[in-house]
């Protein structure tokens, strides 16, 4: 037979669970929409945007907001077949092309693969482009760096510095080694296309302003 004390404990526990659920639901309702569906980041001076796709409705929102014509998967990662099918359905409905580049997770692709990727991204009919990926993805960082240098004609050293800084200043340990390895790999790639592209150049001497006596 349940005593009054045990009954009160059960009621109290139930009320506590309900209160906890109410707090969770309330917190979810008041989370800013930009955290649930963050806008993609632009690659400076281009019509390329990049961001992590949270769900099909988020993808549709990004496509509509930026007039996206092509969705690019740098790598498929841990996506399930169901997720891919849902995202493909969104793209089909909105008449958006889909490209899969299949870059390795560490970003260190073969030079021929970089060349092939850049050839595909040199087609103006593909743009604006949305690249699926997180800022912490090495494969995404590699793609942006090679695009900045080869397509946008940015100085190689500048793009390599952007790559390093893009992952934050507090990266340590194994992650730091991976970033430095990718930077060294891309340095070799840029130098293979234009020997000396990543070599530091001495500053130009200022022009003489005086006149001869």
Foldseek 3Di string as FASTA:
>chain_A
DDDPVVVVVVVVVVVVVVVVVVVVVVVVVPDDVCVVQNAFDDQPPDLETEEADPAQVSLLVNCVVSVAAEEEELAPPPDDPVRVVSNVVSCVVVNHHYYYLHQDQLLLDDLVSLVVVVVVVVDPVRPSYYYHDDLLGNNVLNNSLSCCCPVVVDQNQVSLVCSLPSNPDPDDDPSNVSSVVNSVSVVVSVCVVPNPSNPDDDDDDDDDDDDDD
